[in-house]
Amino acid sequence: MAIAKPKQHQKVVFSGHKRIHCLKFQGIMTPNGLFAHMFGPMEGRRHDAVMFHESGIMTTLEETMNRPDGTPLCMAIQPIRYGPT
């Protein structure tokens, strides 16, 4: 999410990749449109993989995403970007 250039701590929220000041969020949406997980905000300079790891969502999914017989379910991941690209 793009934000206005802050007066202090600009380096923390600056994304060198996108060349904007921003905050990042991570959300998991179910097929029926409900958010099952939200994490953030996180500094704009942080990589998406770091945010994914720090959210702990992988552990939660491994513990809960199983069929009744114990076999794991599959999940498709699609990054969605809003705002300037």
N, C-alpha and C. Protein backbone atom coordinates (compact mmCIF):
# COMPACT_ATOMS: atom_id res chain seq x y z
N MET A 1 0.85 -1.15 0.00
CA MET A 1 0.00 0.00 0.00
C MET A 1 0.91 1.23 0.00
N ALA A 2 0.81 2.05 -1.01
CA ALA A 2 1.62 3.26 -1.11
C ALA A 2 1.19 4.25 -0.03
N ILE A 3 2.19 4.93 0.54
CA ILE A 3 1.92 5.95 1.56
C ILE A 3 2.66 7.22 1.19
N ALA A 4 2.28 8.34 1.82
CA ALA A 4 2.98 9.60 1.60
C ALA A 4 4.40 9.50 2.18
N LYS A 5 5.31 10.23 1.59
CA LYS A 5 6.70 10.22 2.07
C LYS A 5 6.75 10.75 3.50
N PRO A 6 7.20 9.91 4.45
CA PRO A 6 7.23 10.36 5.84
C PRO A 6 8.38 11.34 6.09
N LYS A 7 8.21 12.19 7.10
CA LYS A 7 9.26 13.15 7.44
C LYS A 7 10.43 12.46 8.13
N GLN A 8 10.14 11.40 8.88
CA GLN A 8 11.17 10.65 9.59
C GLN A 8 11.11 9.18 9.18
N HIS A 9 12.22 8.51 9.30
CA HIS A 9 12.32 7.06 9.04
C HIS A 9 11.90 6.70 7.61
N GLN A 10 12.30 7.51 6.65
CA GLN A 10 11.93 7.25 5.26
C GLN A 10 12.50 5.94 4.74
N LYS A 11 13.72 5.62 5.16
CA LYS A 11 14.39 4.43 4.66
C LYS A 11 13.64 3.15 5.03
N VAL A 12 12.98 3.15 6.18
CA VAL A 12 12.27 1.95 6.66
C VAL A 12 11.12 1.58 5.74
N VAL A 13 10.40 2.56 5.24
CA VAL A 13 9.20 2.27 4.43
C VAL A 13 9.44 2.42 2.93
N PHE A 14 10.68 2.68 2.52
CA PHE A 14 10.96 2.85 1.09
C PHE A 14 11.23 1.51 0.44
N SER A 15 10.50 1.22 -0.63
CA SER A 15 10.72 0.01 -1.42
C SER A 15 11.61 0.38 -2.60
N GLY A 16 12.86 -0.05 -2.56
CA GLY A 16 13.77 0.23 -3.66
C GLY A 16 13.34 -0.43 -4.96
N HIS A 17 12.64 -1.55 -4.84
CA HIS A 17 12.16 -2.27 -6.03
C HIS A 17 11.08 -1.46 -6.75
N LYS A 18 10.11 -0.95 -5.98
CA LYS A 18 9.01 -0.19 -6.59
C LYS A 18 9.28 1.30 -6.66
N ARG A 19 10.32 1.76 -5.93
CA ARG A 19 10.66 3.18 -5.86
C ARG A 19 9.54 4.03 -5.28
N ILE A 20 8.87 3.49 -4.25
CA ILE A 20 7.82 4.23 -3.55
C ILE A 20 7.95 3.96 -2.05
N HIS A 21 7.31 4.81 -1.26
CA HIS A 21 7.19 4.57 0.17
C HIS A 21 5.91 3.77 0.36
N CYS A 22 5.99 2.68 1.14
CA CYS A 22 4.82 1.83 1.26
C CYS A 22 4.85 0.98 2.53
N LEU A 23 3.71 0.41 2.84
CA LEU A 23 3.55 -0.60 3.88
C LEU A 23 3.03 -1.85 3.18
N LYS A 24 3.43 -3.01 3.69
CA LYS A 24 3.00 -4.27 3.08
C LYS A 24 2.09 -5.03 4.03
N PHE A 25 1.12 -5.71 3.45
CA PHE A 25 0.20 -6.58 4.18
C PHE A 25 0.15 -7.92 3.46
N GLN A 26 -0.19 -8.96 4.20
CA GLN A 26 -0.39 -10.29 3.61
C GLN A 26 -1.78 -10.76 4.00
N GLY A 27 -2.54 -11.21 3.03
CA GLY A 27 -3.87 -11.73 3.31
C GLY A 27 -4.12 -13.02 2.56
N ILE A 28 -4.88 -13.90 3.17
CA ILE A 28 -5.29 -15.13 2.50
C ILE A 28 -6.81 -15.11 2.41
N MET A 29 -7.30 -15.17 1.18
CA MET A 29 -8.74 -15.12 0.94
C MET A 29 -9.23 -16.49 0.49
N THR A 30 -10.34 -16.92 1.05
CA THR A 30 -10.95 -18.19 0.67
C THR A 30 -11.71 -18.02 -0.65
N PRO A 31 -12.06 -19.11 -1.33
CA PRO A 31 -12.78 -18.99 -2.60
C PRO A 31 -14.11 -18.23 -2.50
N ASN A 32 -14.72 -18.20 -1.30
CA ASN A 32 -15.99 -17.48 -1.17
C ASN A 32 -15.79 -16.01 -0.80
N GLY A 33 -14.54 -15.52 -0.83
CA GLY A 33 -14.27 -14.11 -0.65
C GLY A 33 -14.00 -13.66 0.78
N LEU A 34 -13.95 -14.57 1.73
CA LEU A 34 -13.67 -14.20 3.11
C LEU A 34 -12.16 -14.25 3.37
N PHE A 35 -11.68 -13.30 4.17
CA PHE A 35 -10.27 -13.33 4.55
C PHE A 35 -10.09 -14.29 5.70
N ALA A 36 -9.27 -15.31 5.49
CA ALA A 36 -9.00 -16.31 6.52
C ALA A 36 -7.78 -15.95 7.34
N HIS A 37 -6.96 -15.03 6.82
CA HIS A 37 -5.72 -14.66 7.50
C HIS A 37 -5.30 -13.27 7.05
N MET A 38 -4.88 -12.44 8.00
CA MET A 38 -4.30 -11.13 7.69
C MET A 38 -3.05 -10.95 8.53
N PHE A 39 -2.01 -10.38 7.93
CA PHE A 39 -0.76 -10.11 8.64
C PHE A 39 -0.21 -8.78 8.15
N GLY A 40 0.25 -7.97 9.07
CA GLY A 40 0.85 -6.69 8.70
C GLY A 40 0.32 -5.60 9.60
N PRO A 41 0.74 -4.39 9.38
CA PRO A 41 1.63 -3.95 8.30
C PRO A 41 3.08 -4.30 8.59
N MET A 42 3.86 -4.28 7.52
CA MET A 42 5.29 -4.52 7.60
C MET A 42 5.98 -3.46 6.75
N GLU A 43 7.23 -3.19 7.07
CA GLU A 43 7.98 -2.16 6.35
C GLU A 43 8.02 -2.45 4.86
N GLY A 44 7.91 -1.40 4.05
CA GLY A 44 7.92 -1.56 2.60
C GLY A 44 9.21 -2.11 2.04
N ARG A 45 10.31 -1.97 2.77
CA ARG A 45 11.60 -2.45 2.26
C ARG A 45 11.77 -3.95 2.41
N ARG A 46 10.89 -4.60 3.17
CA ARG A 46 11.03 -6.04 3.44
C ARG A 46 10.53 -6.86 2.25
N HIS A 47 11.20 -7.97 1.99
CA HIS A 47 10.83 -8.86 0.88
C HIS A 47 9.56 -9.64 1.25
N ASP A 48 8.75 -9.97 0.26
CA ASP A 48 7.51 -10.72 0.49
C ASP A 48 7.76 -12.06 1.18
N ALA A 49 8.87 -12.71 0.84
CA ALA A 49 9.18 -14.01 1.44
C ALA A 49 9.46 -13.88 2.94
N VAL A 50 10.07 -12.76 3.34
CA VAL A 50 10.32 -12.52 4.77
C VAL A 50 9.00 -12.35 5.50
N MET A 51 8.08 -11.61 4.90
CA MET A 51 6.78 -11.40 5.51
C MET A 51 6.03 -12.73 5.63
N PHE A 52 6.08 -13.55 4.60
CA PHE A 52 5.43 -14.86 4.63
C PHE A 52 5.99 -15.71 5.76
N HIS A 53 7.31 -15.72 5.92
CA HIS A 53 7.95 -16.50 6.98
C HIS A 53 7.59 -15.96 8.37
N GLU A 54 7.68 -14.65 8.56
CA GLU A 54 7.41 -14.06 9.87
C GLU A 54 5.95 -14.15 10.29
N SER A 55 5.05 -14.29 9.33
CA SER A 55 3.63 -14.40 9.68
C SER A 55 3.30 -15.72 10.36
N GLY A 56 4.13 -16.74 10.13
CA GLY A 56 3.89 -18.05 10.72
C GLY A 56 2.74 -18.81 10.07
N ILE A 57 2.27 -18.33 8.94
CA ILE A 57 1.11 -18.94 8.30
C ILE A 57 1.41 -20.36 7.81
N MET A 58 2.65 -20.63 7.44
CA MET A 58 2.97 -21.97 6.93
C MET A 58 2.74 -23.02 8.01
N THR A 59 3.14 -22.73 9.24
CA THR A 59 2.91 -23.66 10.35
C THR A 59 1.42 -23.88 10.57
N THR A 60 0.65 -22.80 10.54
CA THR A 60 -0.80 -22.89 10.72
C THR A 60 -1.43 -23.74 9.63
N LEU A 61 -1.01 -23.52 8.38
CA LEU A 61 -1.57 -24.29 7.27
C LEU A 61 -1.22 -25.77 7.38
N GLU A 62 0.03 -26.06 7.76
CA GLU A 62 0.43 -27.46 7.91
C GLU A 62 -0.37 -28.18 8.99
N GLU A 63 -0.76 -27.44 10.03
CA GLU A 63 -1.51 -28.04 11.14
C GLU A 63 -3.00 -28.18 10.84
N THR A 64 -3.54 -27.34 9.96
CA THR A 64 -4.99 -27.30 9.79
C THR A 64 -5.51 -27.70 8.41
N MET A 65 -4.68 -27.68 7.39
CA MET A 65 -5.15 -27.91 6.02
C MET A 65 -5.03 -29.38 5.61
N ASN A 66 -5.77 -30.24 6.27
CA ASN A 66 -5.77 -31.67 5.95
C ASN A 66 -7.20 -32.17 5.74
N ARG A 67 -7.32 -33.16 4.88
CA ARG A 67 -8.61 -33.84 4.71
C ARG A 67 -8.86 -34.70 5.94
N PRO A 68 -10.10 -35.17 6.13
CA PRO A 68 -10.40 -36.03 7.28
C PRO A 68 -9.52 -37.27 7.36
N ASP A 69 -9.05 -37.78 6.20
CA ASP A 69 -8.19 -38.97 6.23
C ASP A 69 -6.71 -38.63 6.50
N GLY A 70 -6.40 -37.34 6.66
CA GLY A 70 -5.04 -36.92 7.00
C GLY A 70 -4.19 -36.46 5.85
N THR A 71 -4.64 -36.66 4.60
CA THR A 71 -3.85 -36.20 3.46
C THR A 71 -3.96 -34.68 3.35
N PRO A 72 -2.85 -34.03 3.00
CA PRO A 72 -2.87 -32.57 2.95
C PRO A 72 -3.65 -32.03 1.75
N LEU A 73 -4.27 -30.89 1.94
CA LEU A 73 -4.95 -30.19 0.85
C LEU A 73 -3.93 -29.33 0.11
N CYS A 74 -4.27 -28.91 -1.10
CA CYS A 74 -3.40 -28.04 -1.88
C CYS A 74 -3.92 -26.61 -1.81
N MET A 75 -3.02 -25.66 -1.96
CA MET A 75 -3.41 -24.26 -1.96
C MET A 75 -2.67 -23.56 -3.10
N ALA A 76 -3.40 -22.81 -3.91
CA ALA A 76 -2.79 -22.02 -4.97
C ALA A 76 -2.53 -20.62 -4.43
N ILE A 77 -1.36 -20.08 -4.73
CA ILE A 77 -1.00 -18.74 -4.26
C ILE A 77 -0.96 -17.81 -5.45
N GLN A 78 -1.67 -16.71 -5.34
CA GLN A 78 -1.71 -15.70 -6.39
C GLN A 78 -1.46 -14.34 -5.76
N PRO A 79 -0.29 -13.73 -6.00
CA PRO A 79 -0.08 -12.40 -5.45
C PRO A 79 -0.98 -11.39 -6.14
N ILE A 80 -1.58 -10.53 -5.36
CA ILE A 80 -2.45 -9.49 -5.89
C ILE A 80 -1.87 -8.15 -5.46
N ARG A 81 -1.69 -7.27 -6.39
CA ARG A 81 -1.11 -5.96 -6.11
C ARG A 81 -2.17 -4.88 -6.36
N TYR A 82 -2.21 -3.94 -5.44
CA TYR A 82 -3.09 -2.79 -5.60
C TYR A 82 -2.24 -1.54 -5.65
N GLY A 83 -2.70 -0.53 -6.33
CA GLY A 83 -1.96 0.73 -6.38
C GLY A 83 -0.96 0.73 -7.51
N PRO A 84 0.00 1.66 -7.46
CA PRO A 84 0.99 1.78 -8.54
C PRO A 84 1.82 0.52 -8.68
N THR A 85 2.12 0.15 -9.91
CA THR A 85 2.94 -1.03 -10.14
C THR A 85 4.32 -0.66 -10.60
